[in-house]
Amino acid sequence: MQFAKPLPSYLIQRYQGWKATAYAENRSWYRRLATEGQRPRAMVISCCDSRVHVTSIFGADQGEFFIHRNIANLVPPYEPDGDHHGTSATIEYAVTVLKVSHLMVLGHSECGGVQGCIDMCKGHAPELEEKESFVGRWMDILRPKFDLVADIEDEGEQARALERQSVLTSLSNLMTFPFVSEAVEDGSLSLHGLWTDIGEGGLEYYDPKSGEFVQI
């Protein structure tokens, strides 16, 4: 493939540094992971935003979390139509094969995908309205929830409210998957909604009893 290029030199140097230090000091652990396979206790669905570092937030080691990242940490509804569904496939594997005990949806502040949804709803992003826009069609999953935050005048507060709605939307859509709802009902799987403030390092969880996000 003529279009493929070698890695940038700074990435090669970083890899060599990791191999000589972190890997060398934990070689037996990495080999154990390779030979025994993965047994993660939890799956995390988070945004692919480079500022969201799930393993750092929870101090997780390799092999501890099964992580899926996409735009705005969204889960689409269950649609067994024979088409390509990357997020749904990952959920299926985590729940039916890996048998994770916890499934966490992690939203975050300053989410570009959520802001794109807001811009679409306000008529400020015609490019996202195009049928060819993968981002726009993906954000259609969240679009109906804009009505819940439309009356919030402060733009920052409105964005944060819709970011939390993206988490709740994903939690609701997760329950449309038969293998997820069955696991939740028999007690082998628990769902958790989280939202993190990038700048402040804050973390909130959704409390189903109060119907609110609560600061940890």
Protein backbone atom coordinates (compact mmCIF):
# COMPACT_ATOMS: atom_id res chain seq x y z
CA MET A 1 0.00 0.00 0.00
CA GLN A 2 1.84 3.04 -1.29
CA PHE A 3 -0.13 5.46 0.91
CA ALA A 4 1.17 3.99 4.17
CA LYS A 5 4.10 5.80 5.78
CA PRO A 6 6.59 4.89 8.55
CA LEU A 7 5.82 6.00 12.10
CA PRO A 8 6.97 9.51 13.09
CA SER A 9 10.34 9.40 14.81
CA TYR A 10 9.00 10.74 18.12
CA LEU A 11 6.57 7.80 18.38
CA ILE A 12 9.35 5.34 17.64
CA GLN A 13 11.48 6.90 20.39
CA ARG A 14 8.59 6.73 22.85
CA TYR A 15 8.00 3.07 22.02
CA GLN A 16 11.67 2.25 22.49
CA GLY A 17 11.61 4.01 25.86
CA TRP A 18 8.52 2.05 26.94
CA LYS A 19 10.02 -1.27 25.82
CA ALA A 20 13.24 -0.59 27.71
CA THR A 21 11.55 0.51 30.94
CA ALA A 22 7.87 -0.26 31.60
CA TYR A 23 7.83 -3.46 29.57
CA ALA A 24 11.23 -4.69 30.72
CA GLU A 25 10.28 -4.17 34.37
CA ASN A 26 6.97 -6.01 33.96
CA ARG A 27 7.80 -8.61 31.32
CA SER A 28 6.25 -11.50 33.25
CA TRP A 29 2.97 -9.60 33.65
CA TYR A 30 2.71 -8.86 29.93
CA ARG A 31 3.49 -12.48 29.06
CA ARG A 32 0.84 -13.64 31.49
CA LEU A 33 -1.71 -11.34 29.84
CA ALA A 34 -0.76 -12.79 26.46
CA THR A 35 -0.96 -16.44 27.45
CA GLU A 36 -3.95 -16.36 29.83
CA GLY A 37 -6.10 -13.93 27.84
CA GLN A 38 -8.11 -11.00 29.11
CA ARG A 39 -10.52 -11.11 32.03
CA PRO A 40 -11.70 -7.52 32.46
CA ARG A 41 -14.25 -6.92 35.19
CA ALA A 42 -15.67 -3.83 33.52
CA MET A 43 -16.36 -2.33 30.13
CA VAL A 44 -16.12 1.42 29.60
CA ILE A 45 -17.78 3.28 26.73
CA SER A 46 -16.18 6.71 26.50
CA CYS A 47 -15.68 9.49 24.00
CA CYS A 48 -12.71 9.22 21.67
CA ASP A 49 -11.67 12.74 22.73
CA SER A 50 -7.91 12.59 23.34
CA ARG A 51 -8.32 14.44 26.65
CA VAL A 52 -10.41 11.65 28.18
CA HIS A 53 -7.98 9.14 29.71
CA VAL A 54 -10.12 6.42 31.26
CA THR A 55 -7.34 4.27 32.69
CA SER A 56 -5.68 7.27 34.35
CA ILE A 57 -8.93 8.42 35.98
CA PHE A 58 -9.42 5.05 37.66
CA GLY A 59 -5.76 4.04 37.99
CA ALA A 60 -6.46 0.91 35.95
CA ASP A 61 -3.83 -1.56 34.80
CA GLN A 62 -3.69 -3.30 31.44
CA GLY A 63 -6.26 -6.06 31.22
CA GLU A 64 -8.58 -4.46 33.76
CA PHE A 65 -10.92 -2.46 31.48
CA PHE A 66 -12.46 -3.41 28.14
CA ILE A 67 -12.69 0.01 26.48
CA HIS A 68 -14.70 1.23 23.52
CA ARG A 69 -14.42 4.83 22.35
CA ASN A 70 -16.57 6.71 19.88
CA ILE A 71 -17.91 10.21 19.21
CA ALA A 72 -19.76 11.47 22.31
CA ASN A 73 -19.77 8.06 24.05
CA LEU A 74 -23.04 7.13 22.36
CA VAL A 75 -24.71 3.74 22.18
CA PRO A 76 -27.15 3.31 19.30
CA PRO A 77 -30.39 1.36 19.74
CA TYR A 78 -30.35 -2.39 19.13
CA GLU A 79 -30.61 -2.85 15.36
CA PRO A 80 -29.94 -6.43 14.16
CA ASP A 81 -30.15 -5.46 10.48
CA GLY A 82 -27.04 -7.25 9.22
CA ASP A 83 -25.16 -3.96 8.71
CA HIS A 84 -21.86 -2.82 10.24
CA HIS A 85 -22.22 -1.90 13.92
CA GLY A 86 -18.89 -1.41 15.67
CA THR A 87 -20.25 -0.17 19.00
CA SER A 88 -22.93 -2.85 19.16
CA ALA A 89 -20.39 -5.57 18.30
CA THR A 90 -18.12 -4.43 21.11
CA ILE A 91 -20.98 -4.47 23.62
CA GLU A 92 -22.01 -7.95 22.47
CA TYR A 93 -18.49 -9.28 22.91
CA ALA A 94 -18.05 -7.69 26.34
CA VAL A 95 -21.34 -8.99 27.72
CA THR A 96 -21.72 -12.39 26.08
CA VAL A 97 -18.08 -13.52 25.77
CA LEU A 98 -16.05 -11.64 28.38
CA LYS A 99 -18.93 -11.62 30.86
CA VAL A 100 -18.03 -8.22 32.32
CA SER A 101 -19.73 -7.39 35.61
CA HIS A 102 -19.95 -3.64 35.10
CA LEU A 103 -20.65 -1.49 32.05
CA MET A 104 -19.84 2.20 32.45
CA VAL A 105 -20.74 5.04 30.08
CA LEU A 106 -18.40 8.01 30.61
CA GLY A 107 -19.29 11.43 29.23
CA HIS A 108 -17.18 14.55 29.58
CA SER A 109 -17.07 18.34 29.49
CA GLU A 110 -16.31 20.34 26.34
CA CYS A 111 -17.44 17.45 24.12
CA GLY A 112 -17.08 18.40 20.46
CA GLY A 113 -19.61 15.81 19.32
CA VAL A 114 -22.27 17.13 21.68
CA GLN A 115 -21.50 20.69 20.59
CA GLY A 116 -21.96 19.56 17.00
CA CYS A 117 -25.38 18.20 17.91
CA ILE A 118 -26.30 21.53 19.48
CA ASP A 119 -25.11 23.39 16.40
CA MET A 120 -27.21 21.13 14.18
CA CYS A 121 -30.28 21.65 16.31
CA LYS A 122 -29.81 25.41 16.17
CA GLY A 123 -29.29 25.38 12.40
CA HIS A 124 -25.63 26.44 12.67
CA ALA A 125 -24.03 23.34 11.13
CA PRO A 126 -25.42 22.67 7.64
CA GLU A 127 -22.40 20.49 6.85
CA LEU A 128 -23.49 18.06 9.56
CA GLU A 129 -26.96 17.87 8.05
CA GLU A 130 -25.59 16.33 4.88
CA LYS A 131 -26.39 12.67 4.37
CA GLU A 132 -22.68 12.00 3.79
CA SER A 133 -21.69 13.34 7.23
CA PHE A 134 -20.80 10.38 9.41
CA VAL A 135 -20.57 12.65 12.46
CA GLY A 136 -23.94 14.24 11.79
CA ARG A 137 -25.74 10.94 11.33
CA TRP A 138 -24.08 9.54 14.44
CA MET A 139 -25.20 12.56 16.48
CA ASP A 140 -28.78 11.95 15.30
CA ILE A 141 -28.81 9.40 18.14
CA LEU A 142 -28.67 12.27 20.64
CA ARG A 143 -30.60 14.86 18.67
CA PRO A 144 -34.07 14.15 20.14
CA LYS A 145 -32.74 15.00 23.60
CA PHE A 146 -31.98 18.58 22.64
CA ASP A 147 -35.58 19.51 23.43
CA LEU A 148 -34.82 18.76 27.09
CA VAL A 149 -32.09 21.42 27.23
CA ALA A 150 -33.33 23.90 24.60
CA ASP A 151 -34.61 26.39 27.20
CA ILE A 152 -31.25 26.68 29.00
CA GLU A 153 -29.99 30.15 28.08
CA ASP A 154 -26.37 29.82 29.19
CA GLU A 155 -24.55 28.04 26.35
CA GLY A 156 -22.02 26.38 28.64
CA GLU A 157 -24.71 25.03 30.95
CA GLN A 158 -26.72 23.88 27.96
CA ALA A 159 -23.75 21.94 26.59
CA ARG A 160 -23.05 20.31 29.95
CA ALA A 161 -26.71 19.33 30.27
CA LEU A 162 -26.71 17.69 26.85
CA GLU A 163 -23.41 15.95 27.63
CA ARG A 164 -25.13 14.31 30.58
CA GLN A 165 -28.09 13.46 28.35
CA SER A 166 -25.70 11.63 26.03
CA VAL A 167 -24.82 9.37 28.96
CA LEU A 168 -28.48 8.76 29.81
CA THR A 169 -29.32 8.12 26.16
CA SER A 170 -26.63 5.47 26.00
CA LEU A 171 -27.82 3.83 29.20
CA SER A 172 -31.38 3.67 27.84
CA ASN A 173 -30.24 2.30 24.50
CA LEU A 174 -28.11 -0.35 26.22
CA MET A 175 -31.27 -1.80 27.70
CA THR A 176 -32.69 -2.36 24.21
CA PHE A 177 -30.05 -5.06 23.67
CA PRO A 178 -31.64 -8.35 24.81
CA PHE A 179 -28.38 -9.80 26.15
CA VAL A 180 -27.75 -6.61 28.16
CA SER A 181 -31.25 -6.38 29.65
CA GLU A 182 -31.19 -10.08 30.53
CA ALA A 183 -27.82 -9.73 32.29
CA VAL A 184 -29.03 -6.67 34.19
CA GLU A 185 -32.22 -8.39 35.24
CA ASP A 186 -30.46 -11.53 36.51
CA GLY A 187 -27.95 -9.42 38.43
CA SER A 188 -24.81 -10.46 36.55
CA LEU A 189 -24.32 -7.00 35.01
CA SER A 190 -24.71 -3.47 36.37
CA LEU A 191 -24.85 -0.27 34.31
CA HIS A 192 -23.27 2.99 35.45
CA GLY A 193 -23.48 6.54 34.06
CA LEU A 194 -20.55 8.90 34.64
CA TRP A 195 -19.53 12.40 33.57
CA THR A 196 -16.10 13.96 34.05
CA ASP A 197 -15.04 17.61 34.07
CA ILE A 198 -11.75 17.70 32.17
CA GLY A 199 -10.52 21.02 33.53
CA GLU A 200 -11.42 20.42 37.17
CA GLY A 201 -10.77 16.68 37.31
CA GLY A 202 -14.26 16.17 38.71
CA LEU A 203 -16.28 12.98 38.34
CA GLU A 204 -20.04 12.59 38.68
CA TYR A 205 -22.19 9.48 38.68
CA TYR A 206 -25.85 9.16 37.79
CA ASP A 207 -28.01 8.37 40.80
CA PRO A 208 -31.19 6.65 39.61
CA LYS A 209 -32.94 7.37 42.92
CA SER A 210 -32.63 11.15 42.60
CA GLY A 211 -32.50 11.22 38.82
CA GLU A 212 -29.46 13.50 39.05
CA PHE A 213 -25.71 13.35 38.49
CA VAL A 214 -23.90 13.44 41.84
CA GLN A 215 -20.34 14.61 42.45
CA ILE A 216 -17.98 11.91 43.71
